[in-house]
Amino acid sequence: MRNSSSTSKYIIEVDRSKCISVANCVAIAGDVFELDGEQIAIIKEPDPKTKTYTSDDDTIMLAARSCPTQAIIIKDRETGQQLFP
């Protein structure tokens, strides 16, 4: 599991054991998620210059909600509270 950039209000994690390679997350937020060589979702590094993603927080949440196995975990960066799933 890797976390997102510090500019997002979310901490993003991927539970690789739950990913079944549907790639909805990649289709919705391709600048945040990609499939690795094992065809399992990972979180991309943000833009090295801006340390941000093109996708906004709403799009990141939509990508998480699109995962049929709920492999993407979204937490509030300030409180650590799990927001999804």
PDB file of N, CA and C in Angstrom:
ATOM      1  N   MET A   1       0.842  -1.179   0.000  1.00  0.00           N
ATOM      2  CA  MET A   1       0.000   0.000   0.000  1.00  0.00           C
ATOM      3  C   MET A   1       0.887   1.242   0.000  1.00  0.00           C
ATOM      4  N   ARG A   2       0.489   2.242  -0.801  1.00  0.00           N
ATOM      5  CA  ARG A   2       1.195   3.520  -0.823  1.00  0.00           C
ATOM      6  C   ARG A   2       0.177   4.630  -0.634  1.00  0.00           C
ATOM      7  N   ASN A   3       0.617   5.738  -0.132  1.00  0.00           N
ATOM      8  CA  ASN A   3      -0.268   6.865   0.109  1.00  0.00           C
ATOM      9  C   ASN A   3      -0.198   7.862  -1.031  1.00  0.00           C
ATOM     10  N   SER A   4      -1.215   8.706  -1.115  1.00  0.00           N
ATOM     11  CA  SER A   4      -1.283   9.723  -2.151  1.00  0.00           C
ATOM     12  C   SER A   4      -0.430  10.928  -1.773  1.00  0.00           C
ATOM     13  N   SER A   5      -0.456  11.936  -2.628  1.00  0.00           N
ATOM     14  CA  SER A   5       0.297  13.155  -2.368  1.00  0.00           C
ATOM     15  C   SER A   5      -0.267  13.873  -1.153  1.00  0.00           C
ATOM     16  N   SER A   6       0.550  14.707  -0.562  1.00  0.00           N
ATOM     17  CA  SER A   6       0.120  15.422   0.637  1.00  0.00           C
ATOM     18  C   SER A   6      -0.833  16.565   0.323  1.00  0.00           C
ATOM     19  N   THR A   7      -1.072  16.877  -0.938  1.00  0.00           N
ATOM     20  CA  THR A   7      -1.976  17.973  -1.259  1.00  0.00           C
ATOM     21  C   THR A   7      -3.429  17.512  -1.321  1.00  0.00           C
ATOM     22  N   SER A   8      -3.676  16.233  -1.414  1.00  0.00           N
ATOM     23  CA  SER A   8      -5.036  15.713  -1.401  1.00  0.00           C
ATOM     24  C   SER A   8      -5.543  15.707   0.028  1.00  0.00           C
ATOM     25  N   LYS A   9      -6.849  15.850   0.189  1.00  0.00           N
ATOM     26  CA  LYS A   9      -7.409  15.746   1.541  1.00  0.00           C
ATOM     27  C   LYS A   9      -7.546  14.289   1.968  1.00  0.00           C
ATOM     28  N   TYR A  10      -7.179  13.371   1.067  1.00  0.00           N
ATOM     29  CA  TYR A  10      -7.296  11.944   1.327  1.00  0.00           C
ATOM     30  C   TYR A  10      -5.944  11.269   1.423  1.00  0.00           C
ATOM     31  N   ILE A  11      -5.922  10.211   2.221  1.00  0.00           N
ATOM     32  CA  ILE A  11      -4.865   9.209   2.167  1.00  0.00           C
ATOM     33  C   ILE A  11      -5.475   8.069   1.359  1.00  0.00           C
ATOM     34  N   ILE A  12      -4.790   7.634   0.333  1.00  0.00           N
ATOM     35  CA  ILE A  12      -5.295   6.582  -0.550  1.00  0.00           C
ATOM     36  C   ILE A  12      -4.431   5.348  -0.355  1.00  0.00           C
ATOM     37  N   GLU A  13      -5.091   4.216  -0.158  1.00  0.00           N
ATOM     38  CA  GLU A  13      -4.389   2.947  -0.031  1.00  0.00           C
ATOM     39  C   GLU A  13      -5.059   1.922  -0.937  1.00  0.00           C
ATOM     40  N   VAL A  14      -4.279   0.966  -1.402  1.00  0.00           N
ATOM     41  CA  VAL A  14      -4.818  -0.139  -2.188  1.00  0.00           C
ATOM     42  C   VAL A  14      -4.507  -1.436  -1.463  1.00  0.00           C
ATOM     43  N   ASP A  15      -5.548  -2.205  -1.189  1.00  0.00           N
ATOM     44  CA  ASP A  15      -5.371  -3.535  -0.615  1.00  0.00           C
ATOM     45  C   ASP A  15      -5.175  -4.492  -1.788  1.00  0.00           C
ATOM     46  N   ARG A  16      -3.932  -4.788  -2.083  1.00  0.00           N
ATOM     47  CA  ARG A  16      -3.591  -5.582  -3.260  1.00  0.00           C
ATOM     48  C   ARG A  16      -4.207  -6.980  -3.213  1.00  0.00           C
ATOM     49  N   SER A  17      -4.476  -7.495  -2.030  1.00  0.00           N
ATOM     50  CA  SER A  17      -5.052  -8.834  -1.934  1.00  0.00           C
ATOM     51  C   SER A  17      -6.510  -8.856  -2.397  1.00  0.00           C
ATOM     52  N   LYS A  18      -7.150  -7.705  -2.475  1.00  0.00           N
ATOM     53  CA  LYS A  18      -8.542  -7.633  -2.914  1.00  0.00           C
ATOM     54  C   LYS A  18      -8.690  -7.270  -4.391  1.00  0.00           C
ATOM     55  N   CYS A  19      -7.651  -6.739  -5.002  1.00  0.00           N
ATOM     56  CA  CYS A  19      -7.739  -6.273  -6.391  1.00  0.00           C
ATOM     57  C   CYS A  19      -7.884  -7.455  -7.352  1.00  0.00           C
ATOM     58  N   ILE A  20      -8.874  -7.341  -8.265  1.00  0.00           N
ATOM     59  CA  ILE A  20      -9.096  -8.391  -9.263  1.00  0.00           C
ATOM     60  C   ILE A  20      -8.899  -7.870 -10.691  1.00  0.00           C
ATOM     61  N   SER A  21      -8.204  -6.761 -10.828  1.00  0.00           N
ATOM     62  CA  SER A  21      -7.751  -6.238 -12.132  1.00  0.00           C
ATOM     63  C   SER A  21      -8.863  -5.740 -13.042  1.00  0.00           C
ATOM     64  N   VAL A  22      -9.975  -5.293 -12.488  1.00  0.00           N
ATOM     65  CA  VAL A  22     -11.050  -4.753 -13.312  1.00  0.00           C
ATOM     66  C   VAL A  22     -10.625  -3.431 -13.945  1.00  0.00           C
ATOM     67  N   ALA A  23      -9.845  -2.643 -13.235  1.00  0.00           N
ATOM     68  CA  ALA A  23      -9.250  -1.382 -13.700  1.00  0.00           C
ATOM     69  C   ALA A  23     -10.236  -0.231 -13.845  1.00  0.00           C
ATOM     70  N   ASN A  24     -11.366  -0.280 -13.153  1.00  0.00           N
ATOM     71  CA  ASN A  24     -12.259   0.888 -13.142  1.00  0.00           C
ATOM     72  C   ASN A  24     -11.524   2.105 -12.601  1.00  0.00           C
ATOM     73  N   CYS A  25     -10.711   1.904 -11.587  1.00  0.00           N
ATOM     74  CA  CYS A  25      -9.970   3.015 -10.993  1.00  0.00           C
ATOM     75  C   CYS A  25      -9.052   3.679 -12.020  1.00  0.00           C
ATOM     76  N   VAL A  26      -8.427   2.878 -12.852  1.00  0.00           N
ATOM     77  CA  VAL A  26      -7.537   3.399 -13.893  1.00  0.00           C
ATOM     78  C   VAL A  26      -8.328   4.179 -14.931  1.00  0.00           C
ATOM     79  N   ALA A  27      -9.503   3.665 -15.301  1.00  0.00           N
ATOM     80  CA  ALA A  27     -10.339   4.347 -16.290  1.00  0.00           C
ATOM     81  C   ALA A  27     -10.827   5.697 -15.768  1.00  0.00           C
ATOM     82  N   ILE A  28     -11.101   5.786 -14.470  1.00  0.00           N
ATOM     83  CA  ILE A  28     -11.649   7.020 -13.897  1.00  0.00           C
ATOM     84  C   ILE A  28     -10.552   7.997 -13.495  1.00  0.00           C
ATOM     85  N   ALA A  29      -9.494   7.511 -12.903  1.00  0.00           N
ATOM     86  CA  ALA A  29      -8.416   8.379 -12.405  1.00  0.00           C
ATOM     87  C   ALA A  29      -7.063   7.797 -12.795  1.00  0.00           C
ATOM     88  N   GLY A  30      -6.807   7.772 -14.084  1.00  0.00           N
ATOM     89  CA  GLY A  30      -5.585   7.176 -14.622  1.00  0.00           C
ATOM     90  C   GLY A  30      -4.302   7.876 -14.206  1.00  0.00           C
ATOM     91  N   ASP A  31      -4.410   9.100 -13.721  1.00  0.00           N
ATOM     92  CA  ASP A  31      -3.204   9.780 -13.242  1.00  0.00           C
ATOM     93  C   ASP A  31      -2.870   9.371 -11.809  1.00  0.00           C
ATOM     94  N   VAL A  32      -3.814   8.701 -11.139  1.00  0.00           N
ATOM     95  CA  VAL A  32      -3.621   8.271  -9.748  1.00  0.00           C
ATOM     96  C   VAL A  32      -3.340   6.772  -9.668  1.00  0.00           C
ATOM     97  N   PHE A  33      -4.061   5.994 -10.468  1.00  0.00           N
ATOM     98  CA  PHE A  33      -3.971   4.528 -10.397  1.00  0.00           C
ATOM     99  C   PHE A  33      -3.450   3.949 -11.706  1.00  0.00           C
ATOM    100  N   GLU A  34      -2.759   2.826 -11.598  1.00  0.00           N
ATOM    101  CA  GLU A  34      -2.359   2.037 -12.752  1.00  0.00           C
ATOM    102  C   GLU A  34      -2.262   0.587 -12.311  1.00  0.00           C
ATOM    103  N   LEU A  35      -2.231  -0.305 -13.283  1.00  0.00           N
ATOM    104  CA  LEU A  35      -2.011  -1.718 -12.991  1.00  0.00           C
ATOM    105  C   LEU A  35      -0.534  -2.005 -13.166  1.00  0.00           C
ATOM    106  N   ASP A  36       0.023  -2.755 -12.235  1.00  0.00           N
ATOM    107  CA  ASP A  36       1.440  -3.101 -12.315  1.00  0.00           C
ATOM    108  C   ASP A  36       1.640  -4.327 -13.201  1.00  0.00           C
ATOM    109  N   GLY A  37       2.813  -4.877 -13.211  1.00  0.00           N
ATOM    110  CA  GLY A  37       3.134  -6.040 -14.035  1.00  0.00           C
ATOM    111  C   GLY A  37       2.321  -7.278 -13.694  1.00  0.00           C
ATOM    112  N   GLU A  38       1.796  -7.335 -12.481  1.00  0.00           N
ATOM    113  CA  GLU A  38       0.944  -8.442 -12.067  1.00  0.00           C
ATOM    114  C   GLU A  38      -0.529  -8.139 -12.327  1.00  0.00           C
ATOM    115  N   GLN A  39      -0.797  -7.003 -12.960  1.00  0.00           N
ATOM    116  CA  GLN A  39      -2.159  -6.530 -13.244  1.00  0.00           C
ATOM    117  C   GLN A  39      -2.953  -6.254 -11.973  1.00  0.00           C
ATOM    118  N   ILE A  40      -2.265  -5.745 -10.959  1.00  0.00           N
ATOM    119  CA  ILE A  40      -2.860  -5.350  -9.690  1.00  0.00           C
ATOM    120  C   ILE A  40      -2.718  -3.829  -9.575  1.00  0.00           C
ATOM    121  N   ALA A  41      -3.759  -3.178  -9.052  1.00  0.00           N
ATOM    122  CA  ALA A  41      -3.752  -1.724  -8.938  1.00  0.00           C
ATOM    123  C   ALA A  41      -2.681  -1.239  -7.965  1.00  0.00           C
ATOM    124  N   ILE A  42      -2.025  -0.159  -8.378  1.00  0.00           N
ATOM    125  CA  ILE A  42      -1.090   0.555  -7.522  1.00  0.00           C
ATOM    126  C   ILE A  42      -1.389   2.047  -7.652  1.00  0.00           C
ATOM    127  N   ILE A  43      -0.853   2.802  -6.725  1.00  0.00           N
ATOM    128  CA  ILE A  43      -1.009   4.246  -6.757  1.00  0.00           C
ATOM    129  C   ILE A  43       0.244   4.836  -7.400  1.00  0.00           C
ATOM    130  N   LYS A  44       0.031   5.648  -8.421  1.00  0.00           N
ATOM    131  CA  LYS A  44       1.142   6.316  -9.091  1.00  0.00           C
ATOM    132  C   LYS A  44       1.693   7.436  -8.212  1.00  0.00           C
ATOM    133  N   GLU A  45       2.914   7.796  -8.481  1.00  0.00           N
ATOM    134  CA  GLU A  45       3.493   8.963  -7.830  1.00  0.00           C
ATOM    135  C   GLU A  45       2.850  10.217  -8.451  1.00  0.00           C
ATOM    136  N   PRO A  46       2.605  11.246  -7.638  1.00  0.00           N
ATOM    137  CA  PRO A  46       2.061  12.479  -8.206  1.00  0.00           C
ATOM    138  C   PRO A  46       3.091  13.175  -9.084  1.00  0.00           C
ATOM    139  N   ASP A  47       2.645  14.178  -9.805  1.00  0.00           N
ATOM    140  CA  ASP A  47       3.531  14.964 -10.655  1.00  0.00           C
ATOM    141  C   ASP A  47       4.732  15.428  -9.822  1.00  0.00           C
ATOM    142  N   PRO A  48       5.956  15.164 -10.282  1.00  0.00           N
ATOM    143  CA  PRO A  48       7.135  15.490  -9.460  1.00  0.00           C
ATOM    144  C   PRO A  48       7.322  16.990  -9.218  1.00  0.00           C
ATOM    145  N   LYS A  49       6.845  17.810 -10.139  1.00  0.00           N
ATOM    146  CA  LYS A  49       7.015  19.262  -9.971  1.00  0.00           C
ATOM    147  C   LYS A  49       5.992  19.848  -9.014  1.00  0.00           C
ATOM    148  N   THR A  50       4.740  19.450  -9.168  1.00  0.00           N
ATOM    149  CA  THR A  50       3.671  20.045  -8.356  1.00  0.00           C
ATOM    150  C   THR A  50       3.304  19.206  -7.144  1.00  0.00           C
ATOM    151  N   LYS A  51       3.732  17.929  -7.127  1.00  0.00           N
ATOM    152  CA  LYS A  51       3.390  16.981  -6.055  1.00  0.00           C
ATOM    153  C   LYS A  51       1.883  16.767  -5.944  1.00  0.00           C
ATOM    154  N   THR A  52       1.174  16.933  -7.056  1.00  0.00           N
ATOM    155  CA  THR A  52      -0.281  16.763  -7.074  1.00  0.00           C
ATOM    156  C   THR A  52      -0.686  15.833  -8.215  1.00  0.00           C
ATOM    157  N   TYR A  53      -1.937  15.421  -8.159  1.00  0.00           N
ATOM    158  CA  TYR A  53      -2.555  14.659  -9.236  1.00  0.00           C
ATOM    159  C   TYR A  53      -3.456  15.592 -10.023  1.00  0.00           C
ATOM    160  N   THR A  54      -3.728  15.239 -11.275  1.00  0.00           N
ATOM    161  CA  THR A  54      -4.688  15.984 -12.072  1.00  0.00           C
ATOM    162  C   THR A  54      -6.099  15.744 -11.553  1.00  0.00           C
ATOM    163  N   SER A  55      -6.388  14.522 -11.158  1.00  0.00           N
ATOM    164  CA  SER A  55      -7.715  14.175 -10.631  1.00  0.00           C
ATOM    165  C   SER A  55      -7.942  14.874  -9.297  1.00  0.00           C
ATOM    166  N   ASP A  56      -9.143  15.433  -9.136  1.00  0.00           N
ATOM    167  CA  ASP A  56      -9.470  16.065  -7.860  1.00  0.00           C
ATOM    168  C   ASP A  56      -9.962  15.015  -6.866  1.00  0.00           C
ATOM    169  N   ASP A  57     -10.212  15.443  -5.642  1.00  0.00           N
ATOM    170  CA  ASP A  57     -10.604  14.503  -4.588  1.00  0.00           C
ATOM    171  C   ASP A  57     -11.917  13.798  -4.898  1.00  0.00           C
ATOM    172  N   ASP A  58     -12.865  14.488  -5.518  1.00  0.00           N
ATOM    173  CA  ASP A  58     -14.140  13.846  -5.868  1.00  0.00           C
ATOM    174  C   ASP A  58     -13.926  12.722  -6.875  1.00  0.00           C
ATOM    175  N   THR A  59     -13.034  12.932  -7.828  1.00  0.00           N
ATOM    176  CA  THR A  59     -12.741  11.910  -8.831  1.00  0.00           C
ATOM    177  C   THR A  59     -12.033  10.722  -8.191  1.00  0.00           C
ATOM    178  N   ILE A  60     -11.143  10.992  -7.259  1.00  0.00           N
ATOM    179  CA  ILE A  60     -10.449   9.911  -6.554  1.00  0.00           C
ATOM    180  C   ILE A  60     -11.455   9.072  -5.766  1.00  0.00           C
ATOM    181  N   MET A  61     -12.400   9.730  -5.106  1.00  0.00           N
ATOM    182  CA  MET A  61     -13.432   8.992  -4.356  1.00  0.00           C
ATOM    183  C   MET A  61     -14.302   8.183  -5.312  1.00  0.00           C
ATOM    184  N   LEU A  62     -14.645   8.744  -6.455  1.00  0.00           N
ATOM    185  CA  LEU A  62     -15.438   8.024  -7.452  1.00  0.00           C
ATOM    186  C   LEU A  62     -14.689   6.780  -7.922  1.00  0.00           C
ATOM    187  N   ALA A  63     -13.399   6.914  -8.149  1.00  0.00           N
ATOM    188  CA  ALA A  63     -12.595   5.758  -8.563  1.00  0.00           C
ATOM    189  C   ALA A  63     -12.616   4.676  -7.487  1.00  0.00           C
ATOM    190  N   ALA A  64     -12.499   5.077  -6.241  1.00  0.00           N
ATOM    191  CA  ALA A  64     -12.541   4.100  -5.140  1.00  0.00           C
ATOM    192  C   ALA A  64     -13.897   3.403  -5.092  1.00  0.00           C
ATOM    193  N   ARG A  65     -14.962   4.174  -5.220  1.00  0.00           N
ATOM    194  CA  ARG A  65     -16.310   3.603  -5.163  1.00  0.00           C
ATOM    195  C   ARG A  65     -16.603   2.693  -6.361  1.00  0.00           C
ATOM    196  N   SER A  66     -15.860   2.853  -7.443  1.00  0.00           N
ATOM    197  CA  SER A  66     -16.088   2.040  -8.636  1.00  0.00           C
ATOM    198  C   SER A  66     -15.465   0.650  -8.527  1.00  0.00           C
ATOM    199  N   CYS A  67     -14.638   0.445  -7.540  1.00  0.00           N
ATOM    200  CA  CYS A  67     -13.953  -0.847  -7.387  1.00  0.00           C
ATOM    201  C   CYS A  67     -14.942  -1.901  -6.886  1.00  0.00           C
ATOM    202  N   PRO A  68     -15.137  -2.981  -7.651  1.00  0.00           N
ATOM    203  CA  PRO A  68     -16.129  -3.981  -7.259  1.00  0.00           C
ATOM    204  C   PRO A  68     -15.765  -4.761  -6.001  1.00  0.00           C
ATOM    205  N   THR A  69     -14.502  -4.765  -5.622  1.00  0.00           N
ATOM    206  CA  THR A  69     -14.091  -5.501  -4.423  1.00  0.00           C
ATOM    207  C   THR A  69     -13.723  -4.581  -3.256  1.00  0.00           C
ATOM    208  N   GLN A  70     -13.918  -3.302  -3.437  1.00  0.00           N
ATOM    209  CA  GLN A  70     -13.582  -2.292  -2.428  1.00  0.00           C
ATOM    210  C   GLN A  70     -12.123  -2.409  -1.980  1.00  0.00           C
ATOM    211  N   ALA A  71     -11.243  -2.565  -2.959  1.00  0.00           N
ATOM    212  CA  ALA A  71      -9.813  -2.693  -2.679  1.00  0.00           C
ATOM    213  C   ALA A  71      -9.150  -1.349  -2.410  1.00  0.00           C
ATOM    214  N   ILE A  72      -9.827  -0.252  -2.747  1.00  0.00           N
ATOM    215  CA  ILE A  72      -9.261   1.081  -2.534  1.00  0.00           C
ATOM    216  C   ILE A  72      -9.833   1.653  -1.245  1.00  0.00           C
ATOM    217  N   ILE A  73      -8.938   2.031  -0.362  1.00  0.00           N
ATOM    218  CA  ILE A  73      -9.313   2.572   0.943  1.00  0.00           C
ATOM    219  C   ILE A  73      -9.013   4.068   0.939  1.00  0.00           C
ATOM    220  N   ILE A  74     -10.005   4.846   1.347  1.00  0.00           N
ATOM    221  CA  ILE A  74      -9.853   6.296   1.415  1.00  0.00           C
ATOM    222  C   ILE A  74      -9.980   6.719   2.880  1.00  0.00           C
ATOM    223  N   LYS A  75      -8.991   7.476   3.349  1.00  0.00           N
ATOM    224  CA  LYS A  75      -9.002   8.003   4.710  1.00  0.00           C
ATOM    225  C   LYS A  75      -8.859   9.520   4.674  1.00  0.00           C
ATOM    226  N   ASP A  76      -9.442  10.172   5.664  1.00  0.00           N
ATOM    227  CA  ASP A  76      -9.288  11.614   5.816  1.00  0.00           C
ATOM    228  C   ASP A  76      -7.870  11.898   6.285  1.00  0.00           C
ATOM    229  N   ARG A  77      -7.154  12.749   5.570  1.00  0.00           N
ATOM    230  CA  ARG A  77      -5.762  13.030   5.891  1.00  0.00           C
ATOM    231  C   ARG A  77      -5.615  13.678   7.278  1.00  0.00           C
ATOM    232  N   GLU A  78      -6.533  14.541   7.662  1.00  0.00           N
ATOM    233  CA  GLU A  78      -6.409  15.247   8.941  1.00  0.00           C
ATOM    234  C   GLU A  78      -6.747  14.376  10.134  1.00  0.00           C
ATOM    235  N   THR A  79      -7.804  13.574  10.025  1.00  0.00           N
ATOM    236  CA  THR A  79      -8.270  12.807  11.181  1.00  0.00           C
ATOM    237  C   THR A  79      -7.838  11.346  11.161  1.00  0.00           C
ATOM    238  N   GLY A  80      -7.497  10.843   9.988  1.00  0.00           N
ATOM    239  CA  GLY A  80      -7.173   9.426   9.845  1.00  0.00           C
ATOM    240  C   GLY A  80      -8.394   8.537   9.763  1.00  0.00           C
ATOM    241  N   GLN A  81      -9.590   9.142   9.842  1.00  0.00           N
ATOM    242  CA  GLN A  81     -10.841   8.377   9.780  1.00  0.00           C
ATOM    243  C   GLN A  81     -11.013   7.754   8.404  1.00  0.00           C
ATOM    244  N   GLN A  82     -11.376   6.480   8.381  1.00  0.00           N
ATOM    245  CA  GLN A  82     -11.640   5.813   7.119  1.00  0.00           C
ATOM    246  C   GLN A  82     -12.981   6.292   6.563  1.00  0.00           C
ATOM    247  N   LEU A  83     -12.964   6.793   5.338  1.00  0.00           N
ATOM    248  CA  LEU A  83     -14.162   7.316   4.688  1.00  0.00           C
ATOM    249  C   LEU A  83     -14.784   6.320   3.737  1.00  0.00           C
ATOM    250  N   PHE A  84     -13.951   5.434   3.159  1.00  0.00           N
ATOM    251  CA  PHE A  84     -14.446   4.408   2.241  1.00  0.00           C
ATOM    252  C   PHE A  84     -13.466   3.255   2.253  1.00  0.00           C
ATOM    253  N   PRO A  85     -13.871   2.014   2.168  1.00  0.00           N
ATOM    254  CA  PRO A  85     -15.263   1.576   2.312  1.00  0.00           C
ATOM    255  C   PRO A  85     -15.703   1.630   3.747  1.00  0.00           C
TER     256      PRO A  85
END
